[in-house]
C-alpha cells in the first residue's frame, strides 16, 4: 500500500473515529498528536486501536511511544505491511 493511501486512512480515522477537527488535521503536513492536535493519552490509544483494526495489525506497547506524529504512524504501517 502506498504511503499516501495510508496517510489518507489515518486522517480519516483522526476525523471520523477519534473526532479531531478537520481544520486541525489539515493544518500542517506532519501533525504531532499532542502538540498540534492536543490529543491526550487516551485519544492516542483510541487512535492506535482503530489503526490496528483498520490495518489488521498489532502494535506492541513498546512501539506506541514512538508513534507521536502522523508521519511516524504512516512510516510504521508502511514498513509493517511490507514485512513478511
Protein backbone atom coordinates (compact mmCIF):
# COMPACT_ATOMS: atom_id res chain seq x y z
CA UNK A 1 0.00 0.00 0.00
CA UNK A 2 1.29 3.46 -0.87
CA UNK A 3 2.20 5.89 1.89
CA UNK A 4 -0.31 8.45 0.62
CA UNK A 5 -3.18 5.96 0.88
CA UNK A 6 -2.07 5.02 4.39
CA UNK A 7 -1.94 8.69 5.35
CA UNK A 8 -5.43 9.28 3.94
CA UNK A 9 -6.79 6.40 6.04
CA UNK A 10 -5.10 7.73 9.19
CA UNK A 11 -6.52 11.21 8.56
CA UNK A 12 -9.95 9.65 8.10
CA UNK A 13 -9.57 7.79 11.41
CA UNK A 14 -8.50 11.01 13.13
CA UNK A 15 -11.51 12.94 11.81
CA UNK A 16 -14.25 10.30 11.90
CA UNK A 17 -13.02 7.92 14.58
CA UNK A 18 -11.15 9.98 17.13
CA UNK A 19 -13.17 13.12 16.30
CA UNK A 20 -10.31 15.55 15.76
CA UNK A 21 -11.49 18.69 13.99
CA UNK A 22 -10.87 18.51 10.26
CA UNK A 23 -9.46 22.05 10.24
CA UNK A 24 -6.73 20.97 12.69
CA UNK A 25 -5.88 17.84 10.74
CA UNK A 26 -5.39 19.80 7.53
CA UNK A 27 -3.29 22.42 9.30
CA UNK A 28 0.20 21.03 8.58
CA UNK A 29 1.99 18.27 6.76
CA UNK A 30 3.29 16.29 9.76
CA UNK A 31 0.95 16.61 12.69
CA UNK A 32 2.17 15.91 16.19
CA UNK A 33 -0.67 14.29 18.07
CA UNK A 34 -0.07 16.04 21.39
CA UNK A 35 1.36 19.40 20.29
CA UNK A 36 -0.71 20.09 17.17
CA UNK A 37 -3.91 18.13 17.77
CA UNK A 38 -3.97 18.43 21.57
CA UNK A 39 -4.71 14.73 21.92
CA UNK A 40 -4.34 13.12 25.33
CA UNK A 41 -3.02 9.62 26.01
CA UNK A 42 -6.50 8.08 25.86
CA UNK A 43 -7.15 9.63 22.45
CA UNK A 44 -3.82 8.33 21.19
CA UNK A 45 -4.64 4.84 22.45
CA UNK A 46 -8.03 5.09 20.74
CA UNK A 47 -6.25 6.05 17.52
CA UNK A 48 -3.85 3.10 17.83
CA UNK A 49 -6.73 0.68 18.46
CA UNK A 50 -8.56 1.95 15.39
CA UNK A 51 -5.38 1.73 13.30
CA UNK A 52 -4.84 -1.85 14.44
CA UNK A 53 -8.37 -2.76 13.43
CA UNK A 54 -8.26 -0.91 10.09
CA UNK A 55 -4.90 -2.36 9.04
CA UNK A 56 -5.32 -5.75 10.73
CA UNK A 57 -2.08 -5.47 12.71
CA UNK A 58 -0.97 -5.41 16.33
CA UNK A 59 1.13 -2.55 17.66
CA UNK A 60 3.31 -3.64 20.56
CA UNK A 61 3.18 -1.50 23.70
CA UNK A 62 6.84 -0.52 23.42
CA UNK A 63 6.23 0.74 19.87
CA UNK A 64 3.34 3.03 20.78
CA UNK A 65 5.52 5.74 22.32
CA UNK A 66 7.43 6.02 19.02
CA UNK A 67 4.18 6.88 17.19
CA UNK A 68 3.90 10.52 18.19
CA UNK A 69 3.04 12.11 14.86
CA UNK A 70 1.29 11.39 11.60
CA UNK A 71 4.44 10.58 9.62
CA UNK A 72 5.72 8.13 12.23
CA UNK A 73 2.42 6.20 12.06
CA UNK A 74 2.43 6.23 8.25
CA UNK A 75 6.04 5.02 8.12
CA UNK A 76 5.36 2.36 10.75
CA UNK A 77 2.36 0.99 8.85
CA UNK A 78 4.14 1.15 5.50
CA UNK A 79 7.08 -0.83 6.85
CA UNK A 80 4.83 -3.24 8.77
CA UNK A 81 2.81 -4.05 5.65
CA UNK A 82 6.00 -4.67 3.67
CA UNK A 83 7.46 -7.09 6.25
CA UNK A 84 6.64 -10.73 5.63
